[in-house]
Structures are given as structure tokens and as C-alpha cells.
Amino acid sequence: MKRLEIFVESVILASRWLLVVFYIGLGLALALYAVSFGFKLWDFASHLIGLDETETILKILGLIDAALIASLVVMVIISGYENFVSRFDNEDDVRWLGQIDAGSLKIKVASTIVAISSIHLLQIFLNVPKYTDNQIMWHTILHVTFIASALFLALIDRISKNPSKEKASDL
């Protein structure tokens, strides 16, 4: 029976390496997104002279949005691999990552989503005539929901990392 238990545990532990397929896929998707970013940048640069200030700001916000999304993908790839698959052999190469556990990663992802949502909402506010009042309302509600979710994730993470004084005094 003990042999079966050890075998099952080995299979379960080895299954984490299947995540590598997802991280490589995200890396490939990031490369494709970089090509898309290049086209957006080229379009912006080639039409810069004819754009008014609002259009210029909207194009720049689109580029910032793309950079935030790309950063989010990199954060998920590196942190996910480090947390769930294997530590990097050369810690100096990823020292800038710090200690990102699953809870911290969730907060960073939520914060990035709030930043991306903020940019989208700003783009909508700069293009108000293109949207109905109902669309603006729902985009705003969705943004506030993202903010509330990020705050609750941070609160839950803080509570889970700091045991209450009552628990400490019980010891």
C-alpha cells in the first residue's frame, strides 16, 4: 500500500511539469503580441502629424495598455514557473523578482488588471460621443468591481499573512 501511495504522490508531483506547456504557450503569445504592438507603434508614428491631441493621447494610452498586458503575461510566466514548477537555477538572473508567492502574484495581477481597466475607462471618457450612457455606466461599474476585487484580495492576503493577536496569545 505504501508503494502505491509513493507512486501516486510521484505522479502528482511530476504533473506540475505539464504547466511548462502553458508557460511556453504564453511566451509564444507574448511574441505575437509584440508583433501586434510593433504594428500599433508603426501606425501611430506614421500618422502622428495628422492626429489631434486627443487622438494622440488615445494612441499612447493604447501603447501603455499593451505594455501593461505584456508585463502581466511575463509576471505570470516567471512567477508561475518559479512557484509551481521549479526554481530558476541562476537566482541572480531573476533576483529582481523578489519573493512572489501565489497570494502576492494574485494581488499583482489584480493591480495590473485595475491599471488596464483604468486606461480603458480613460479612453472611453476621452471618446464620450462614441459611447452610450449605458455603456459608460457599465464600464465604470466593471472598473469599480475590479478595484473592489483587488482590495479584497489584498485584505485577504494581509489577514492570511498576519495571524491575529488572539491566536498568538493562545499559544
C-alpha atoms as a PDB file:
ATOM      1  CA  MET A   1       0.000   0.000   0.000  1.00  0.00           C
ATOM      2  CA  LYS A   2       2.868   2.363   0.828  1.00  0.00           C
ATOM      3  CA  ARG A   3       4.389   1.741  -2.636  1.00  0.00           C
ATOM      4  CA  LEU A   4       1.118   2.760  -4.290  1.00  0.00           C
ATOM      5  CA  GLU A   5       0.980   5.907  -2.179  1.00  0.00           C
ATOM      6  CA  ILE A   6       4.546   6.847  -3.133  1.00  0.00           C
ATOM      7  CA  PHE A   7       3.793   6.172  -6.819  1.00  0.00           C
ATOM      8  CA  VAL A   8       0.637   8.337  -6.764  1.00  0.00           C
ATOM      9  CA  GLU A   9       2.484  11.141  -4.998  1.00  0.00           C
ATOM     10  CA  SER A  10       5.298  10.955  -7.562  1.00  0.00           C
ATOM     11  CA  VAL A  11       2.830  11.185 -10.453  1.00  0.00           C
ATOM     12  CA  ILE A  12       1.041  14.122  -8.844  1.00  0.00           C
ATOM     13  CA  LEU A  13       4.305  15.927  -8.177  1.00  0.00           C
ATOM     14  CA  ALA A  14       5.586  15.259 -11.707  1.00  0.00           C
ATOM     15  CA  SER A  15       2.342  16.608 -13.203  1.00  0.00           C
ATOM     16  CA  ARG A  16       3.459  20.138 -12.341  1.00  0.00           C
ATOM     17  CA  TRP A  17       5.792  19.930 -15.355  1.00  0.00           C
ATOM     18  CA  LEU A  18       2.706  19.993 -17.600  1.00  0.00           C
ATOM     19  CA  LEU A  19       2.428  23.670 -16.653  1.00  0.00           C
ATOM     20  CA  VAL A  20       5.561  24.328 -18.712  1.00  0.00           C
ATOM     21  CA  VAL A  21       3.473  23.837 -21.864  1.00  0.00           C
ATOM     22  CA  PHE A  22       1.213  26.697 -20.737  1.00  0.00           C
ATOM     23  CA  TYR A  23       4.138  28.980 -19.891  1.00  0.00           C
ATOM     24  CA  ILE A  24       5.808  28.319 -23.247  1.00  0.00           C
ATOM     25  CA  GLY A  25       2.462  28.974 -24.935  1.00  0.00           C
ATOM     26  CA  LEU A  26       2.161  32.267 -23.078  1.00  0.00           C
ATOM     27  CA  GLY A  27       5.698  33.137 -24.200  1.00  0.00           C
ATOM     28  CA  LEU A  28       4.718  32.473 -27.824  1.00  0.00           C
ATOM     29  CA  ALA A  29       1.548  34.517 -27.387  1.00  0.00           C
ATOM     30  CA  LEU A  30       3.685  37.328 -25.966  1.00  0.00           C
ATOM     31  CA  ALA A  31       5.901  37.208 -29.058  1.00  0.00           C
ATOM     32  CA  LEU A  32       2.830  37.503 -31.292  1.00  0.00           C
ATOM     33  CA  TYR A  33       1.543  40.362 -29.144  1.00  0.00           C
ATOM     34  CA  ALA A  34       4.923  42.095 -29.554  1.00  0.00           C
ATOM     35  CA  VAL A  35       4.425  41.948 -33.338  1.00  0.00           C
ATOM     36  CA  SER A  36       0.951  43.452 -32.871  1.00  0.00           C
ATOM     37  CA  PHE A  37       2.483  46.169 -30.671  1.00  0.00           C
ATOM     38  CA  GLY A  38       5.029  46.910 -33.417  1.00  0.00           C
ATOM     39  CA  PHE A  39       2.221  47.438 -35.927  1.00  0.00           C
ATOM     40  CA  LYS A  40       0.372  49.737 -33.488  1.00  0.00           C
ATOM     41  CA  LEU A  41       3.552  51.718 -32.896  1.00  0.00           C
ATOM     42  CA  TRP A  42       4.229  51.970 -36.648  1.00  0.00           C
ATOM     43  CA  ASP A  43       0.639  53.106 -37.293  1.00  0.00           C
ATOM     44  CA  PHE A  44       0.953  55.743 -34.560  1.00  0.00           C
ATOM     45  CA  ALA A  45       4.318  57.003 -35.827  1.00  0.00           C
ATOM     46  CA  SER A  46       3.244  57.120 -39.468  1.00  0.00           C
ATOM     47  CA  HIS A  47       0.051  59.088 -38.712  1.00  0.00           C
ATOM     48  CA  LEU A  48       1.402  61.288 -35.920  1.00  0.00           C
ATOM     49  CA  ILE A  49       1.389  64.507 -37.957  1.00  0.00           C
ATOM     50  CA  GLY A  50      -2.339  64.224 -38.748  1.00  0.00           C
ATOM     51  CA  LEU A  51      -3.518  63.394 -35.230  1.00  0.00           C
ATOM     52  CA  ASP A  52      -5.038  65.918 -32.883  1.00  0.00           C
ATOM     53  CA  GLU A  53      -4.148  65.935 -29.178  1.00  0.00           C
ATOM     54  CA  THR A  54      -6.977  63.633 -28.082  1.00  0.00           C
ATOM     55  CA  GLU A  55      -6.194  61.081 -30.801  1.00  0.00           C
ATOM     56  CA  THR A  56      -2.500  61.205 -29.861  1.00  0.00           C
ATOM     57  CA  ILE A  57      -3.331  60.584 -26.203  1.00  0.00           C
ATOM     58  CA  LEU A  58      -5.631  57.694 -27.160  1.00  0.00           C
ATOM     59  CA  LYS A  59      -2.900  56.076 -29.282  1.00  0.00           C
ATOM     60  CA  ILE A  60      -0.354  56.460 -26.468  1.00  0.00           C
ATOM     61  CA  LEU A  61      -2.833  55.011 -23.958  1.00  0.00           C
ATOM     62  CA  GLY A  62      -3.273  52.044 -26.301  1.00  0.00           C
ATOM     63  CA  LEU A  63       0.506  51.512 -26.285  1.00  0.00           C
ATOM     64  CA  ILE A  64       0.640  51.798 -22.487  1.00  0.00           C
ATOM     65  CA  ASP A  65      -2.214  49.313 -22.257  1.00  0.00           C
ATOM     66  CA  ALA A  66      -0.275  46.871 -24.449  1.00  0.00           C
ATOM     67  CA  ALA A  67       2.840  47.274 -22.288  1.00  0.00           C
ATOM     68  CA  LEU A  68       0.846  46.557 -19.116  1.00  0.00           C
ATOM     69  CA  ILE A  69      -0.700  43.459 -20.657  1.00  0.00           C
ATOM     70  CA  ALA A  70       2.728  42.236 -21.792  1.00  0.00           C
ATOM     71  CA  SER A  71       4.126  42.857 -18.301  1.00  0.00           C
ATOM     72  CA  LEU A  72       1.241  40.897 -16.821  1.00  0.00           C
ATOM     73  CA  VAL A  73       1.998  37.935 -19.101  1.00  0.00           C
ATOM     74  CA  VAL A  74       5.702  37.999 -18.159  1.00  0.00           C
ATOM     75  CA  MET A  75       4.821  38.218 -14.465  1.00  0.00           C
ATOM     76  CA  VAL A  76       2.517  35.199 -14.741  1.00  0.00           C
ATOM     77  CA  ILE A  77       5.057  33.167 -16.735  1.00  0.00           C
ATOM     78  CA  ILE A  78       8.019  33.784 -14.450  1.00  0.00           C
ATOM     79  CA  SER A  79       6.163  33.736 -11.132  1.00  0.00           C
ATOM     80  CA  GLY A  80       4.068  30.746 -12.109  1.00  0.00           C
ATOM     81  CA  TYR A  81       7.091  28.753 -13.172  1.00  0.00           C
ATOM     82  CA  GLU A  82       9.026  29.741 -10.059  1.00  0.00           C
ATOM     83  CA  ASN A  83       6.116  28.990  -7.691  1.00  0.00           C
ATOM     84  CA  PHE A  84       4.621  25.872  -9.229  1.00  0.00           C
ATOM     85  CA  VAL A  85       7.236  24.132 -11.376  1.00  0.00           C
ATOM     86  CA  SER A  86      10.842  24.741 -10.388  1.00  0.00           C
ATOM     87  CA  ARG A  87      13.194  27.365  -9.019  1.00  0.00           C
ATOM     88  CA  PHE A  88      15.449  29.065 -11.530  1.00  0.00           C
ATOM     89  CA  ASP A  89      18.980  27.667 -11.405  1.00  0.00           C
ATOM     90  CA  ASN A  90      20.661  31.062 -11.569  1.00  0.00           C
ATOM     91  CA  GLU A  91      18.896  33.123  -8.900  1.00  0.00           C
ATOM     92  CA  ASP A  92      20.888  36.235  -9.904  1.00  0.00           C
ATOM     93  CA  ASP A  93      19.022  36.337 -13.232  1.00  0.00           C
ATOM     94  CA  VAL A  94      15.656  36.682 -11.501  1.00  0.00           C
ATOM     95  CA  ARG A  95      16.694  38.383  -8.259  1.00  0.00           C
ATOM     96  CA  TRP A  96      14.578  41.388  -9.288  1.00  0.00           C
ATOM     97  CA  LEU A  97      11.504  39.185  -8.939  1.00  0.00           C
ATOM     98  CA  GLY A  98      11.762  39.114  -5.168  1.00  0.00           C
ATOM     99  CA  GLN A  99       9.726  36.576  -3.279  1.00  0.00           C
ATOM    100  CA  ILE A 100       6.413  36.391  -5.112  1.00  0.00           C
ATOM    101  CA  ASP A 101       4.158  33.751  -3.633  1.00  0.00           C
ATOM    102  CA  ALA A 102       0.761  32.794  -5.038  1.00  0.00           C
ATOM    103  CA  GLY A 103      -1.020  35.424  -2.904  1.00  0.00           C
ATOM    104  CA  SER A 104       1.338  38.211  -3.950  1.00  0.00           C
ATOM    105  CA  LEU A 105       1.004  37.145  -7.574  1.00  0.00           C
ATOM    106  CA  LYS A 106      -2.791  37.389  -7.338  1.00  0.00           C
ATOM    107  CA  ILE A 107      -2.509  40.908  -5.927  1.00  0.00           C
ATOM    108  CA  LYS A 108      -0.044  41.969  -8.632  1.00  0.00           C
ATOM    109  CA  VAL A 109      -2.294  40.515 -11.340  1.00  0.00           C
ATOM    110  CA  ALA A 110      -5.345  42.242  -9.837  1.00  0.00           C
ATOM    111  CA  SER A 111      -3.450  45.550  -9.616  1.00  0.00           C
ATOM    112  CA  THR A 112      -2.397  45.253 -13.243  1.00  0.00           C
ATOM    113  CA  ILE A 113      -5.972  44.488 -14.276  1.00  0.00           C
ATOM    114  CA  VAL A 114      -7.123  47.617 -12.417  1.00  0.00           C
ATOM    115  CA  ALA A 115      -4.460  49.657 -14.235  1.00  0.00           C
ATOM    116  CA  ILE A 116      -5.532  48.233 -17.604  1.00  0.00           C
ATOM    117  CA  SER A 117      -9.171  48.881 -16.768  1.00  0.00           C
ATOM    118  CA  SER A 118      -8.281  52.462 -15.768  1.00  0.00           C
ATOM    119  CA  ILE A 119      -6.678  53.039 -19.147  1.00  0.00           C
ATOM    120  CA  HIS A 120      -9.717  51.634 -20.952  1.00  0.00           C
ATOM    121  CA  LEU A 121     -12.020  53.823 -18.888  1.00  0.00           C
ATOM    122  CA  LEU A 122      -9.882  56.887 -19.627  1.00  0.00           C
ATOM    123  CA  GLN A 123     -10.035  56.037 -23.329  1.00  0.00           C
ATOM    124  CA  ILE A 124     -13.827  55.854 -23.056  1.00  0.00           C
ATOM    125  CA  PHE A 125     -14.015  59.187 -21.236  1.00  0.00           C
ATOM    126  CA  LEU A 126     -11.877  60.792 -23.936  1.00  0.00           C
ATOM    127  CA  ASN A 127     -14.255  59.360 -26.558  1.00  0.00           C
ATOM    128  CA  VAL A 128     -17.582  60.004 -24.801  1.00  0.00           C
ATOM    129  CA  PRO A 129     -19.547  60.721 -28.017  1.00  0.00           C
ATOM    130  CA  LYS A 130     -18.817  57.191 -29.270  1.00  0.00           C
ATOM    131  CA  TYR A 131     -20.468  55.552 -26.242  1.00  0.00           C
ATOM    132  CA  THR A 132     -23.982  55.500 -24.843  1.00  0.00           C
ATOM    133  CA  ASP A 133     -24.631  56.498 -21.248  1.00  0.00           C
ATOM    134  CA  ASN A 134     -25.486  52.859 -20.528  1.00  0.00           C
ATOM    135  CA  GLN A 135     -22.146  51.638 -21.917  1.00  0.00           C
ATOM    136  CA  ILE A 136     -20.231  54.221 -19.876  1.00  0.00           C
ATOM    137  CA  MET A 137     -22.142  53.238 -16.750  1.00  0.00           C
ATOM    138  CA  TRP A 138     -21.368  49.521 -17.204  1.00  0.00           C
ATOM    139  CA  HIS A 139     -17.698  50.154 -17.947  1.00  0.00           C
ATOM    140  CA  THR A 140     -17.490  52.254 -14.777  1.00  0.00           C
ATOM    141  CA  ILE A 141     -19.277  49.597 -12.705  1.00  0.00           C
ATOM    142  CA  LEU A 142     -16.922  46.942 -14.071  1.00  0.00           C
ATOM    143  CA  HIS A 143     -13.904  49.099 -13.210  1.00  0.00           C
ATOM    144  CA  VAL A 144     -15.152  49.655  -9.652  1.00  0.00           C
ATOM    145  CA  THR A 145     -15.694  45.893  -9.373  1.00  0.00           C
ATOM    146  CA  PHE A 146     -12.069  45.298 -10.392  1.00  0.00           C
ATOM    147  CA  ILE A 147     -10.925  47.806  -7.774  1.00  0.00           C
ATOM    148  CA  ALA A 148     -13.049  46.176  -5.058  1.00  0.00           C
ATOM    149  CA  SER A 149     -11.759  42.718  -6.039  1.00  0.00           C
ATOM    150  CA  ALA A 150      -8.135  43.887  -5.858  1.00  0.00           C
ATOM    151  CA  LEU A 151      -8.742  45.466  -2.453  1.00  0.00           C
ATOM    152  CA  PHE A 152     -10.393  42.305  -1.106  1.00  0.00           C
ATOM    153  CA  LEU A 153      -7.545  40.145  -2.428  1.00  0.00           C
ATOM    154  CA  ALA A 154      -5.037  42.422  -0.697  1.00  0.00           C
ATOM    155  CA  LEU A 155      -7.052  42.324   2.521  1.00  0.00           C
ATOM    156  CA  ILE A 156      -7.342  38.535   2.428  1.00  0.00           C
ATOM    157  CA  ASP A 157      -3.608  38.214   1.737  1.00  0.00           C
ATOM    158  CA  ARG A 158      -2.796  40.556   4.623  1.00  0.00           C
ATOM    159  CA  ILE A 159      -5.070  38.688   7.008  1.00  0.00           C
ATOM    160  CA  SER A 160      -3.599  35.334   5.991  1.00  0.00           C
ATOM    161  CA  LYS A 161      -0.010  36.565   6.489  1.00  0.00           C
ATOM    162  CA  ASN A 162      -0.637  38.284   9.840  1.00  0.00           C
ATOM    163  CA  PRO A 163      -2.245  35.969  12.378  1.00  0.00           C
ATOM    164  CA  SER A 164      -4.376  37.817  14.882  1.00  0.00           C
ATOM    165  CA  LYS A 165      -3.069  38.665  18.346  1.00  0.00           C
ATOM    166  CA  GLU A 166      -5.686  36.374  19.845  1.00  0.00           C
ATOM    167  CA  LYS A 167      -4.165  33.348  18.084  1.00  0.00           C
ATOM    168  CA  ALA A 168      -0.681  34.372  19.189  1.00  0.00           C
ATOM    169  CA  SER A 169      -1.793  34.787  22.813  1.00  0.00           C
ATOM    170  CA  ASP A 170      -3.435  31.338  22.783  1.00  0.00           C
ATOM    171  CA  LEU A 171      -0.021  29.742  22.268  1.00  0.00           C
END
